[in-house]
């Protein structure tokens, strides 16, 4: 399958990744994750970054698995849930530890601004795809016809509100894991009375006398 000039990987590994993610996610997260791959690939062309399509595909598909009931934990950031599952999946399918580590980092860092762009293309382009689809970063730099082709194949009705709701549902039970991340903003918008852990408060109330 080709969408907006981008070939969707069709190896057995890619098909099994698609099946796993399709089973674990609803339409919102599945279509979002496929758009992340497509927008990441398109941004890669624009930025001159060449990722291995299969690794980029797995990173994009697994990046939000930590929001799902099947894969979310209680004790770590949701990004790490998806990263751990991606690495487990790749190692189980014979992918080497170095490439599995790259995909782990792509998923784990996808909500961390700037840093991914200094790392391997797969890491940079998962973030680029997420930033394009969620924040609109770089959207205006893409061919409108390509954007239309992506959203026709993977629609995004009511996406802005729905994705914030999905974020909140995915980590409202573990609010402390949002410390120092953009995820704390989500909880402040969706949980009445919630206030993020303040970094300065942590310093001032630490065990040190001064």
N, C-alpha and C. Protein backbone atom coordinates (compact mmCIF):
# COMPACT_ATOMS: atom_id res chain seq x y z
N UNK A 1 0.84 -1.19 0.00
CA UNK A 1 0.00 0.00 0.00
C UNK A 1 0.87 1.24 0.00
N UNK A 2 0.49 2.21 -0.80
CA UNK A 2 1.21 3.46 -0.88
C UNK A 2 0.25 4.60 -0.57
N UNK A 3 0.63 5.45 0.37
CA UNK A 3 -0.19 6.61 0.75
C UNK A 3 0.69 7.84 0.68
N UNK A 4 0.27 8.82 -0.10
CA UNK A 4 1.00 10.08 -0.25
C UNK A 4 2.44 9.85 -0.69
N UNK A 5 2.65 8.82 -1.51
CA UNK A 5 3.99 8.51 -2.00
C UNK A 5 4.84 7.71 -1.03
N UNK A 6 4.28 7.33 0.11
CA UNK A 6 5.02 6.57 1.13
C UNK A 6 4.52 5.13 1.12
N UNK A 7 5.43 4.19 0.96
CA UNK A 7 5.07 2.77 1.01
C UNK A 7 4.91 2.33 2.46
N UNK A 8 3.78 1.72 2.77
CA UNK A 8 3.59 1.14 4.09
C UNK A 8 4.35 -0.19 4.13
N UNK A 9 5.25 -0.38 5.08
CA UNK A 9 5.99 -1.65 5.14
C UNK A 9 5.04 -2.85 5.18
N UNK A 10 5.40 -3.90 4.45
CA UNK A 10 4.53 -5.05 4.31
C UNK A 10 5.27 -6.35 4.60
N UNK A 11 6.34 -6.28 5.39
CA UNK A 11 7.04 -7.49 5.80
C UNK A 11 6.19 -8.23 6.82
N UNK A 12 6.58 -9.45 7.12
CA UNK A 12 5.84 -10.20 8.14
C UNK A 12 5.93 -9.49 9.49
N UNK A 13 7.09 -8.91 9.79
CA UNK A 13 7.24 -8.18 11.04
C UNK A 13 6.28 -6.99 11.09
N UNK A 14 6.20 -6.25 9.99
CA UNK A 14 5.32 -5.08 9.95
C UNK A 14 3.86 -5.49 10.06
N UNK A 15 3.51 -6.59 9.40
CA UNK A 15 2.12 -7.05 9.47
C UNK A 15 1.76 -7.49 10.89
N UNK A 16 2.70 -8.16 11.57
CA UNK A 16 2.43 -8.59 12.94
C UNK A 16 2.36 -7.38 13.88
N UNK A 17 3.20 -6.37 13.64
CA UNK A 17 3.13 -5.15 14.44
C UNK A 17 1.78 -4.47 14.26
N UNK A 18 1.32 -4.41 13.01
CA UNK A 18 0.02 -3.81 12.74
C UNK A 18 -1.09 -4.56 13.46
N UNK A 19 -1.05 -5.87 13.40
CA UNK A 19 -2.08 -6.68 14.05
C UNK A 19 -2.08 -6.48 15.56
N UNK A 20 -0.89 -6.46 16.16
CA UNK A 20 -0.79 -6.27 17.60
C UNK A 20 -1.38 -4.93 18.02
N UNK A 21 -0.98 -3.88 17.30
CA UNK A 21 -1.43 -2.53 17.66
C UNK A 21 -2.91 -2.35 17.35
N UNK A 22 -3.37 -2.92 16.24
CA UNK A 22 -4.79 -2.79 15.88
C UNK A 22 -5.66 -3.45 16.93
N UNK A 23 -5.19 -4.57 17.49
CA UNK A 23 -5.97 -5.27 18.50
C UNK A 23 -5.99 -4.52 19.82
N UNK A 24 -4.87 -3.83 20.15
CA UNK A 24 -4.75 -3.17 21.45
C UNK A 24 -5.37 -1.78 21.49
N UNK A 25 -5.50 -1.14 20.33
CA UNK A 25 -5.92 0.26 20.30
C UNK A 25 -7.30 0.42 19.68
N UNK A 26 -7.90 1.57 19.94
CA UNK A 26 -9.14 1.93 19.26
C UNK A 26 -8.80 2.65 17.96
N UNK A 27 -9.83 3.08 17.23
CA UNK A 27 -9.60 3.76 15.96
C UNK A 27 -8.79 5.04 16.14
N UNK A 28 -9.04 5.76 17.23
CA UNK A 28 -8.33 7.02 17.46
C UNK A 28 -6.83 6.81 17.45
N UNK A 29 -6.34 5.89 18.30
CA UNK A 29 -4.90 5.69 18.43
C UNK A 29 -4.31 4.96 17.24
N UNK A 30 -5.06 4.05 16.64
CA UNK A 30 -4.52 3.35 15.48
C UNK A 30 -4.31 4.30 14.32
N UNK A 31 -5.31 5.09 13.98
CA UNK A 31 -5.17 6.02 12.86
C UNK A 31 -4.11 7.08 13.16
N UNK A 32 -4.06 7.53 14.42
CA UNK A 32 -3.02 8.49 14.81
C UNK A 32 -1.64 7.89 14.60
N UNK A 33 -1.45 6.64 15.03
CA UNK A 33 -0.13 6.03 14.92
C UNK A 33 0.29 5.82 13.47
N UNK A 34 -0.65 5.46 12.63
CA UNK A 34 -0.31 5.33 11.20
C UNK A 34 0.01 6.71 10.59
N UNK A 35 -0.72 7.73 11.00
CA UNK A 35 -0.40 9.08 10.51
C UNK A 35 0.99 9.50 10.98
N UNK A 36 1.36 9.12 12.20
CA UNK A 36 2.71 9.45 12.70
C UNK A 36 3.77 8.85 11.78
N UNK A 37 3.58 7.61 11.35
CA UNK A 37 4.53 7.01 10.41
C UNK A 37 4.56 7.79 9.10
N UNK A 38 3.40 8.11 8.57
CA UNK A 38 3.33 8.78 7.27
C UNK A 38 3.87 10.20 7.35
N UNK A 39 3.45 10.95 8.36
CA UNK A 39 3.96 12.31 8.49
C UNK A 39 5.44 12.31 8.83
N UNK A 40 5.88 11.35 9.65
CA UNK A 40 7.31 11.25 9.94
C UNK A 40 8.11 10.97 8.68
N UNK A 41 7.60 10.09 7.84
CA UNK A 41 8.28 9.78 6.57
C UNK A 41 8.32 11.00 5.66
N UNK A 42 7.21 11.72 5.57
CA UNK A 42 7.18 12.93 4.73
C UNK A 42 8.11 14.00 5.28
N UNK A 43 8.15 14.16 6.58
CA UNK A 43 9.08 15.13 7.16
C UNK A 43 10.52 14.69 6.96
N UNK A 44 10.75 13.38 6.94
CA UNK A 44 12.09 12.89 6.68
C UNK A 44 12.58 13.27 5.29
N UNK A 45 11.69 13.19 4.30
CA UNK A 45 12.04 13.62 2.94
C UNK A 45 12.39 15.10 2.95
N UNK A 46 11.58 15.88 3.63
CA UNK A 46 11.81 17.34 3.68
C UNK A 46 13.11 17.68 4.40
N UNK A 47 13.41 16.95 5.47
CA UNK A 47 14.58 17.26 6.29
C UNK A 47 15.86 16.55 5.82
N UNK A 48 15.73 15.68 4.84
CA UNK A 48 16.90 14.93 4.37
C UNK A 48 17.33 13.85 5.33
N UNK A 49 16.38 13.28 6.08
CA UNK A 49 16.68 12.20 7.01
C UNK A 49 16.12 10.90 6.47
N UNK A 50 16.94 9.87 6.42
CA UNK A 50 16.52 8.59 5.85
C UNK A 50 16.51 7.54 6.94
N UNK A 51 15.32 7.18 7.37
CA UNK A 51 15.15 6.14 8.39
C UNK A 51 14.93 4.79 7.72
N UNK A 52 15.17 3.73 8.47
CA UNK A 52 14.80 2.40 8.01
C UNK A 52 13.28 2.29 8.17
N UNK A 53 12.55 2.14 7.06
CA UNK A 53 11.08 2.20 7.14
C UNK A 53 10.46 1.25 8.15
N UNK A 54 10.98 0.03 8.23
CA UNK A 54 10.39 -0.95 9.13
C UNK A 54 10.55 -0.52 10.59
N UNK A 55 11.73 0.02 10.95
CA UNK A 55 11.95 0.46 12.32
C UNK A 55 11.11 1.70 12.63
N UNK A 56 11.05 2.62 11.68
CA UNK A 56 10.21 3.81 11.87
C UNK A 56 8.75 3.41 12.03
N UNK A 57 8.33 2.42 11.27
CA UNK A 57 6.94 1.96 11.33
C UNK A 57 6.61 1.39 12.71
N UNK A 58 7.48 0.54 13.22
CA UNK A 58 7.23 -0.05 14.54
C UNK A 58 7.25 1.04 15.61
N UNK A 59 8.21 1.96 15.53
CA UNK A 59 8.25 3.04 16.50
C UNK A 59 6.98 3.88 16.48
N UNK A 60 6.51 4.20 15.29
CA UNK A 60 5.28 5.00 15.16
C UNK A 60 4.07 4.24 15.69
N UNK A 61 3.96 2.96 15.33
CA UNK A 61 2.79 2.21 15.76
C UNK A 61 2.77 1.96 17.26
N UNK A 62 3.93 1.77 17.87
CA UNK A 62 3.97 1.43 19.29
C UNK A 62 4.04 2.66 20.19
N UNK A 63 4.16 3.86 19.64
CA UNK A 63 4.51 5.00 20.48
C UNK A 63 3.46 5.34 21.53
N UNK A 64 2.19 5.02 21.30
CA UNK A 64 1.14 5.33 22.28
C UNK A 64 0.53 4.08 22.92
N UNK A 65 1.19 2.92 22.79
CA UNK A 65 0.64 1.71 23.40
C UNK A 65 0.48 1.84 24.91
N UNK A 66 1.32 2.67 25.53
CA UNK A 66 1.25 2.85 26.97
C UNK A 66 -0.01 3.55 27.45
N UNK A 67 -0.81 4.05 26.52
CA UNK A 67 -2.09 4.65 26.89
C UNK A 67 -3.20 3.61 26.95
N UNK A 68 -2.96 2.42 26.46
CA UNK A 68 -4.03 1.42 26.32
C UNK A 68 -4.13 0.56 27.58
N UNK A 69 -5.34 0.09 27.90
CA UNK A 69 -5.50 -0.77 29.08
C UNK A 69 -4.61 -2.00 29.06
N UNK A 70 -4.36 -2.54 27.89
CA UNK A 70 -3.58 -3.78 27.79
C UNK A 70 -2.11 -3.57 28.12
N UNK A 71 -1.58 -2.40 27.84
CA UNK A 71 -0.12 -2.21 27.96
C UNK A 71 0.30 -1.15 28.97
N UNK A 72 -0.63 -0.44 29.58
CA UNK A 72 -0.20 0.60 30.52
C UNK A 72 0.09 0.01 31.90
N UNK A 73 1.12 0.56 32.52
CA UNK A 73 1.52 0.16 33.87
C UNK A 73 1.16 1.26 34.85
N UNK A 74 1.54 1.05 36.11
CA UNK A 74 1.23 2.03 37.15
C UNK A 74 2.46 2.81 37.61
N UNK A 75 3.65 2.32 37.24
CA UNK A 75 4.86 2.78 37.91
C UNK A 75 5.87 3.50 37.03
N UNK A 76 5.51 3.80 35.78
CA UNK A 76 6.46 4.50 34.93
C UNK A 76 5.70 5.30 33.88
N UNK A 77 6.43 6.18 33.22
CA UNK A 77 5.84 7.03 32.19
C UNK A 77 5.24 6.18 31.06
N UNK A 78 4.14 6.67 30.50
CA UNK A 78 3.47 5.88 29.47
C UNK A 78 4.37 5.68 28.26
N UNK A 79 5.25 6.62 27.98
CA UNK A 79 6.15 6.48 26.84
C UNK A 79 7.03 5.23 27.00
N UNK A 80 7.43 4.95 28.24
CA UNK A 80 8.28 3.79 28.49
C UNK A 80 7.52 2.48 28.34
N UNK A 81 6.22 2.51 28.62
CA UNK A 81 5.42 1.30 28.40
C UNK A 81 5.49 0.87 26.93
N UNK A 82 5.24 1.82 26.04
CA UNK A 82 5.29 1.52 24.62
C UNK A 82 6.69 1.17 24.16
N UNK A 83 7.67 1.86 24.70
CA UNK A 83 9.06 1.59 24.33
C UNK A 83 9.47 0.18 24.73
N UNK A 84 9.10 -0.23 25.94
CA UNK A 84 9.44 -1.58 26.40
C UNK A 84 8.78 -2.64 25.52
N UNK A 85 7.52 -2.40 25.16
CA UNK A 85 6.82 -3.38 24.32
C UNK A 85 7.42 -3.44 22.92
N UNK A 86 7.82 -2.28 22.39
CA UNK A 86 8.44 -2.26 21.06
C UNK A 86 9.75 -3.05 21.06
N UNK A 87 10.57 -2.84 22.08
CA UNK A 87 11.84 -3.57 22.16
C UNK A 87 11.59 -5.07 22.31
N UNK A 88 10.65 -5.44 23.19
CA UNK A 88 10.34 -6.86 23.36
C UNK A 88 9.90 -7.48 22.04
N UNK A 89 9.03 -6.78 21.34
CA UNK A 89 8.51 -7.27 20.06
C UNK A 89 9.63 -7.45 19.04
N UNK A 90 10.50 -6.46 18.93
CA UNK A 90 11.57 -6.52 17.92
C UNK A 90 12.57 -7.63 18.25
N UNK A 91 12.97 -7.74 19.51
CA UNK A 91 13.92 -8.78 19.88
C UNK A 91 13.32 -10.17 19.64
N UNK A 92 12.03 -10.30 19.91
CA UNK A 92 11.36 -11.59 19.70
C UNK A 92 11.27 -11.95 18.22
N UNK A 93 11.40 -10.94 17.36
CA UNK A 93 11.33 -11.19 15.91
C UNK A 93 12.70 -11.14 15.25
N UNK A 94 13.76 -11.30 16.05
CA UNK A 94 15.09 -11.44 15.50
C UNK A 94 15.80 -10.16 15.15
N UNK A 95 15.25 -9.02 15.54
CA UNK A 95 15.94 -7.74 15.32
C UNK A 95 17.01 -7.58 16.38
N UNK A 96 18.18 -7.11 15.98
CA UNK A 96 19.31 -7.00 16.89
C UNK A 96 19.10 -5.96 17.97
N UNK A 97 19.88 -6.08 19.06
CA UNK A 97 19.70 -5.17 20.20
C UNK A 97 19.97 -3.71 19.88
N UNK A 98 20.89 -3.43 18.97
CA UNK A 98 21.17 -2.03 18.64
C UNK A 98 19.98 -1.37 17.95
N UNK A 99 19.38 -2.07 16.99
CA UNK A 99 18.21 -1.50 16.32
C UNK A 99 17.01 -1.45 17.26
N UNK A 100 16.87 -2.45 18.12
CA UNK A 100 15.78 -2.42 19.10
C UNK A 100 15.95 -1.25 20.06
N UNK A 101 17.19 -0.94 20.41
CA UNK A 101 17.46 0.20 21.28
C UNK A 101 17.06 1.50 20.62
N UNK A 102 17.33 1.63 19.31
CA UNK A 102 16.95 2.84 18.59
C UNK A 102 15.43 3.04 18.63
N UNK A 103 14.69 1.96 18.41
CA UNK A 103 13.23 2.07 18.44
C UNK A 103 12.75 2.36 19.86
N UNK A 104 13.39 1.74 20.86
CA UNK A 104 13.04 2.05 22.25
C UNK A 104 13.18 3.55 22.50
N UNK A 105 14.28 4.13 22.08
CA UNK A 105 14.50 5.55 22.30
C UNK A 105 13.52 6.40 21.50
N UNK A 106 13.18 5.95 20.30
CA UNK A 106 12.22 6.70 19.48
C UNK A 106 10.89 6.83 20.20
N UNK A 107 10.45 5.74 20.81
CA UNK A 107 9.18 5.76 21.53
C UNK A 107 9.31 6.50 22.86
N UNK A 108 10.35 6.21 23.60
CA UNK A 108 10.52 6.79 24.93
C UNK A 108 10.68 8.30 24.89
N UNK A 109 11.26 8.83 23.80
CA UNK A 109 11.57 10.26 23.73
C UNK A 109 10.57 11.07 22.90
N UNK A 110 9.47 10.45 22.49
CA UNK A 110 8.63 11.15 21.50
C UNK A 110 7.88 12.36 22.04
N UNK A 111 7.84 12.53 23.37
CA UNK A 111 7.25 13.75 23.93
C UNK A 111 8.31 14.70 24.47
N UNK A 112 9.57 14.44 24.16
CA UNK A 112 10.67 15.27 24.64
C UNK A 112 11.13 16.20 23.52
N UNK A 113 10.93 17.50 23.66
CA UNK A 113 11.30 18.41 22.57
C UNK A 113 12.80 18.44 22.28
N UNK A 114 13.13 18.65 21.03
CA UNK A 114 14.48 18.96 20.53
C UNK A 114 15.45 17.79 20.52
N UNK A 115 15.62 17.09 21.62
CA UNK A 115 16.66 16.06 21.72
C UNK A 115 16.56 15.01 20.62
N UNK A 116 15.38 14.48 20.28
CA UNK A 116 15.31 13.43 19.26
C UNK A 116 15.93 13.83 17.92
N UNK A 117 15.90 15.11 17.59
CA UNK A 117 16.43 15.54 16.29
C UNK A 117 17.94 15.46 16.21
N UNK A 118 18.63 15.26 17.34
CA UNK A 118 20.08 15.08 17.35
C UNK A 118 20.47 13.61 17.32
N UNK A 119 19.49 12.72 17.29
CA UNK A 119 19.75 11.29 17.35
C UNK A 119 19.44 10.62 16.02
N UNK A 120 19.36 9.30 16.00
CA UNK A 120 19.18 8.56 14.75
C UNK A 120 17.89 8.99 14.05
N UNK A 121 17.84 8.84 12.71
CA UNK A 121 16.66 9.28 11.96
C UNK A 121 15.36 8.66 12.45
N UNK A 122 15.40 7.40 12.85
CA UNK A 122 14.17 6.77 13.33
C UNK A 122 13.63 7.49 14.57
N UNK A 123 14.54 7.91 15.44
CA UNK A 123 14.14 8.62 16.66
C UNK A 123 13.61 9.99 16.30
N UNK A 124 14.33 10.69 15.44
CA UNK A 124 13.91 12.03 15.04
C UNK A 124 12.55 12.01 14.35
N UNK A 125 12.32 11.02 13.51
CA UNK A 125 11.12 11.05 12.67
C UNK A 125 9.88 10.53 13.37
N UNK A 126 10.01 9.69 14.38
CA UNK A 126 8.83 9.40 15.20
C UNK A 126 8.37 10.69 15.87
N UNK A 127 9.32 11.43 16.44
CA UNK A 127 8.96 12.71 17.06
C UNK A 127 8.39 13.68 16.03
N UNK A 128 9.00 13.75 14.85
CA UNK A 128 8.48 14.66 13.82
C UNK A 128 7.06 14.30 13.43
N UNK A 129 6.77 13.00 13.32
CA UNK A 129 5.42 12.59 12.98
C UNK A 129 4.42 12.93 14.06
N UNK A 130 4.83 12.72 15.32
CA UNK A 130 3.95 13.07 16.44
C UNK A 130 3.71 14.58 16.47
N UNK A 131 4.77 15.34 16.33
CA UNK A 131 4.63 16.80 16.40
C UNK A 131 3.77 17.34 15.26
N UNK A 132 3.87 16.74 14.10
CA UNK A 132 3.03 17.17 12.99
C UNK A 132 1.56 16.85 13.27
N UNK A 133 1.28 15.63 13.71
CA UNK A 133 -0.11 15.21 13.86
C UNK A 133 -0.79 15.82 15.08
N UNK A 134 -0.05 15.97 16.17
CA UNK A 134 -0.67 16.46 17.41
C UNK A 134 -0.57 17.98 17.54
N UNK A 135 0.59 18.53 17.18
CA UNK A 135 0.83 19.96 17.41
C UNK A 135 0.79 20.80 16.15
N UNK A 136 0.78 20.16 14.99
CA UNK A 136 0.80 20.90 13.74
C UNK A 136 2.16 21.45 13.37
N UNK A 137 3.21 21.01 14.06
CA UNK A 137 4.58 21.47 13.77
C UNK A 137 5.00 20.97 12.40
N UNK A 138 5.40 21.87 11.53
CA UNK A 138 5.85 21.49 10.20
C UNK A 138 4.74 21.13 9.24
N UNK A 139 3.49 21.24 9.67
CA UNK A 139 2.38 20.88 8.79
C UNK A 139 2.35 21.75 7.55
N UNK A 140 2.61 23.04 7.73
CA UNK A 140 2.60 23.96 6.61
C UNK A 140 3.73 23.75 5.62
N UNK A 141 4.72 22.95 6.01
CA UNK A 141 5.85 22.68 5.12
C UNK A 141 5.59 21.48 4.21
N UNK A 142 4.52 20.77 4.46
CA UNK A 142 4.20 19.59 3.65
C UNK A 142 3.26 19.95 2.51
N UNK A 143 3.32 19.17 1.44
CA UNK A 143 2.43 19.34 0.30
C UNK A 143 0.99 19.10 0.76
N UNK A 144 0.09 20.08 0.58
CA UNK A 144 -1.31 19.90 1.01
C UNK A 144 -1.95 18.65 0.41
N UNK A 145 -1.57 18.29 -0.80
CA UNK A 145 -2.13 17.09 -1.41
C UNK A 145 -1.69 15.84 -0.66
N UNK A 146 -0.44 15.83 -0.16
CA UNK A 146 0.04 14.69 0.62
C UNK A 146 -0.68 14.63 1.96
N UNK A 147 -0.86 15.77 2.59
CA UNK A 147 -1.58 15.81 3.87
C UNK A 147 -3.00 15.30 3.68
N UNK A 148 -3.65 15.72 2.60
CA UNK A 148 -5.01 15.29 2.34
C UNK A 148 -5.08 13.79 2.10
N UNK A 149 -4.08 13.25 1.42
CA UNK A 149 -4.05 11.80 1.17
C UNK A 149 -3.89 11.02 2.48
N UNK A 150 -3.05 11.53 3.37
CA UNK A 150 -2.85 10.87 4.66
C UNK A 150 -4.13 10.89 5.48
N UNK A 151 -4.76 12.04 5.56
CA UNK A 151 -5.95 12.16 6.41
C UNK A 151 -7.18 11.51 5.77
N UNK A 152 -7.16 11.33 4.47
CA UNK A 152 -8.24 10.58 3.83
C UNK A 152 -8.11 9.10 4.17
N UNK A 153 -6.88 8.59 4.18
CA UNK A 153 -6.65 7.18 4.51
C UNK A 153 -6.84 6.92 6.01
N UNK A 154 -6.45 7.90 6.82
CA UNK A 154 -6.51 7.77 8.27
C UNK A 154 -7.12 9.03 8.86
N UNK A 155 -8.45 9.09 8.89
CA UNK A 155 -9.16 10.32 9.27
C UNK A 155 -8.90 10.73 10.72
N UNK A 156 -9.12 12.02 10.99
CA UNK A 156 -8.92 12.53 12.34
C UNK A 156 -10.11 13.40 12.79
N UNK A 157 -11.33 12.87 12.79
CA UNK A 157 -12.48 13.66 13.24
C UNK A 157 -12.41 13.94 14.74
N UNK A 158 -12.55 15.22 15.11
CA UNK A 158 -12.53 15.59 16.52
C UNK A 158 -11.25 15.22 17.22
N UNK A 159 -10.14 15.17 16.49
CA UNK A 159 -8.91 14.60 17.04
C UNK A 159 -8.34 15.41 18.20
N UNK A 160 -8.38 16.73 18.13
CA UNK A 160 -7.72 17.55 19.16
C UNK A 160 -8.25 17.22 20.55
N UNK A 161 -9.56 17.20 20.72
CA UNK A 161 -10.12 16.89 22.04
C UNK A 161 -9.93 15.41 22.37
N UNK A 162 -10.15 14.56 21.39
CA UNK A 162 -10.10 13.12 21.65
C UNK A 162 -8.71 12.66 22.09
N UNK A 163 -7.66 13.23 21.50
CA UNK A 163 -6.32 12.76 21.87
C UNK A 163 -5.95 13.24 23.27
N UNK A 164 -6.38 14.44 23.64
CA UNK A 164 -6.12 14.90 25.01
C UNK A 164 -6.86 14.02 26.01
N UNK A 165 -8.10 13.67 25.69
CA UNK A 165 -8.85 12.77 26.55
C UNK A 165 -8.15 11.41 26.67
N UNK A 166 -7.61 10.91 25.57
CA UNK A 166 -6.91 9.63 25.59
C UNK A 166 -5.64 9.70 26.43
N UNK A 167 -4.92 10.81 26.31
CA UNK A 167 -3.74 11.00 27.16
C UNK A 167 -4.14 10.94 28.63
N UNK A 168 -5.16 11.72 29.00
CA UNK A 168 -5.58 11.79 30.40
C UNK A 168 -5.99 10.42 30.92
N UNK A 169 -6.73 9.67 30.11
CA UNK A 169 -7.18 8.36 30.53
C UNK A 169 -6.00 7.41 30.70
N UNK A 170 -4.96 7.61 29.90
CA UNK A 170 -3.81 6.70 29.93
C UNK A 170 -2.90 6.88 31.11
N UNK A 171 -2.92 8.07 31.77
CA UNK A 171 -2.02 8.23 32.92
C UNK A 171 -2.63 8.98 34.10
N UNK A 172 -3.95 9.11 34.15
CA UNK A 172 -4.56 9.74 35.32
C UNK A 172 -4.35 8.90 36.58
N UNK A 173 -4.15 7.59 36.43
CA UNK A 173 -3.95 6.71 37.58
C UNK A 173 -2.50 6.74 38.08
N UNK A 174 -1.61 7.42 37.40
CA UNK A 174 -0.20 7.49 37.79
C UNK A 174 0.32 8.91 37.62
N UNK A 175 -0.32 9.89 38.26
CA UNK A 175 0.02 11.29 38.01
C UNK A 175 1.46 11.65 38.32
N UNK A 176 2.08 10.97 39.29
CA UNK A 176 3.46 11.32 39.62
C UNK A 176 4.42 11.05 38.48
N UNK A 177 4.06 10.15 37.56
CA UNK A 177 4.96 9.85 36.44
C UNK A 177 4.99 10.98 35.42
N UNK A 178 4.11 11.96 35.55
CA UNK A 178 4.11 13.09 34.61
C UNK A 178 5.04 14.21 35.05
N UNK A 179 5.71 14.04 36.19
CA UNK A 179 6.61 15.08 36.70
C UNK A 179 7.66 15.46 35.65
N UNK A 180 7.78 16.74 35.38
CA UNK A 180 8.79 17.23 34.45
C UNK A 180 8.48 16.98 32.99
N UNK A 181 7.24 16.61 32.66
CA UNK A 181 6.89 16.33 31.28
C UNK A 181 5.68 17.16 30.86
N UNK A 182 5.44 17.19 29.55
CA UNK A 182 4.26 17.87 29.03
C UNK A 182 2.97 17.19 29.48
N UNK A 183 3.07 15.95 29.92
CA UNK A 183 1.88 15.21 30.31
C UNK A 183 1.19 15.81 31.53
N UNK A 184 1.95 16.52 32.37
CA UNK A 184 1.34 17.17 33.52
C UNK A 184 0.31 18.21 33.07
N UNK A 185 0.55 18.85 31.93
CA UNK A 185 -0.41 19.83 31.41
C UNK A 185 -1.75 19.17 31.12
N UNK A 186 -1.70 17.95 30.60
CA UNK A 186 -2.93 17.23 30.27
C UNK A 186 -3.77 17.02 31.52
N UNK A 187 -3.14 16.59 32.61
CA UNK A 187 -3.89 16.33 33.83
C UNK A 187 -4.45 17.60 34.42
N UNK A 188 -3.73 18.70 34.31
CA UNK A 188 -4.27 19.97 34.82
C UNK A 188 -5.51 20.40 34.05
N UNK A 189 -5.58 20.03 32.77
CA UNK A 189 -6.75 20.38 31.96
C UNK A 189 -7.91 19.41 32.13
N UNK A 190 -7.63 18.19 32.58
CA UNK A 190 -8.68 17.17 32.61
C UNK A 190 -9.08 16.69 34.01
N UNK A 191 -8.26 16.95 35.04
CA UNK A 191 -8.59 16.54 36.40
C UNK A 191 -8.82 17.79 37.25
N UNK A 192 -10.04 18.04 37.66
CA UNK A 192 -10.33 19.25 38.46
C UNK A 192 -9.47 19.31 39.72
N UNK A 193 -8.82 20.43 39.92
CA UNK A 193 -8.01 20.64 41.12
C UNK A 193 -6.61 20.08 41.06
N UNK A 194 -6.28 19.36 39.99
CA UNK A 194 -4.93 18.79 39.91
C UNK A 194 -3.91 19.88 39.67
N UNK A 195 -2.78 19.81 40.38
CA UNK A 195 -1.66 20.72 40.17
C UNK A 195 -0.41 19.89 40.01
N UNK A 196 0.36 20.21 38.98
CA UNK A 196 1.55 19.42 38.71
C UNK A 196 2.58 19.55 39.83
N UNK A 197 3.44 18.55 39.94
CA UNK A 197 4.53 18.61 40.90
C UNK A 197 5.48 19.72 40.46
N UNK A 198 5.75 20.65 41.36
CA UNK A 198 6.56 21.82 41.03
C UNK A 198 8.03 21.53 41.31
N UNK A 199 8.87 21.69 40.31
CA UNK A 199 10.29 21.38 40.42
C UNK A 199 10.96 22.23 41.49
N UNK A 200 10.61 23.51 41.55
CA UNK A 200 11.21 24.39 42.55
C UNK A 200 10.77 23.97 43.96
N UNK A 201 9.51 23.58 44.10
CA UNK A 201 9.06 23.08 45.40
C UNK A 201 9.86 21.85 45.83
N UNK A 202 10.13 20.97 44.88
CA UNK A 202 10.91 19.76 45.20
C UNK A 202 12.29 20.14 45.72
N UNK A 203 12.91 21.10 45.06
CA UNK A 203 14.24 21.56 45.52
C UNK A 203 14.16 22.18 46.90
N UNK A 204 13.21 23.10 47.08
CA UNK A 204 13.15 23.85 48.34
C UNK A 204 12.73 22.97 49.51
N UNK A 205 11.99 21.89 49.25
CA UNK A 205 11.54 21.01 50.32
C UNK A 205 12.35 19.73 50.44
N UNK A 206 13.51 19.71 49.80
CA UNK A 206 14.35 18.51 49.87
C UNK A 206 14.98 18.37 51.26
N UNK A 207 15.68 17.27 51.48
CA UNK A 207 16.29 16.99 52.77
C UNK A 207 17.49 17.89 53.10
N UNK A 208 17.99 18.61 52.09
CA UNK A 208 19.14 19.47 52.32
C UNK A 208 18.73 20.71 53.12
N UNK A 209 19.58 21.13 54.10
CA UNK A 209 19.21 22.30 54.91
C UNK A 209 19.25 23.61 54.13
N UNK A 210 20.08 23.66 53.11
CA UNK A 210 20.15 24.90 52.31
C UNK A 210 20.76 24.59 50.97
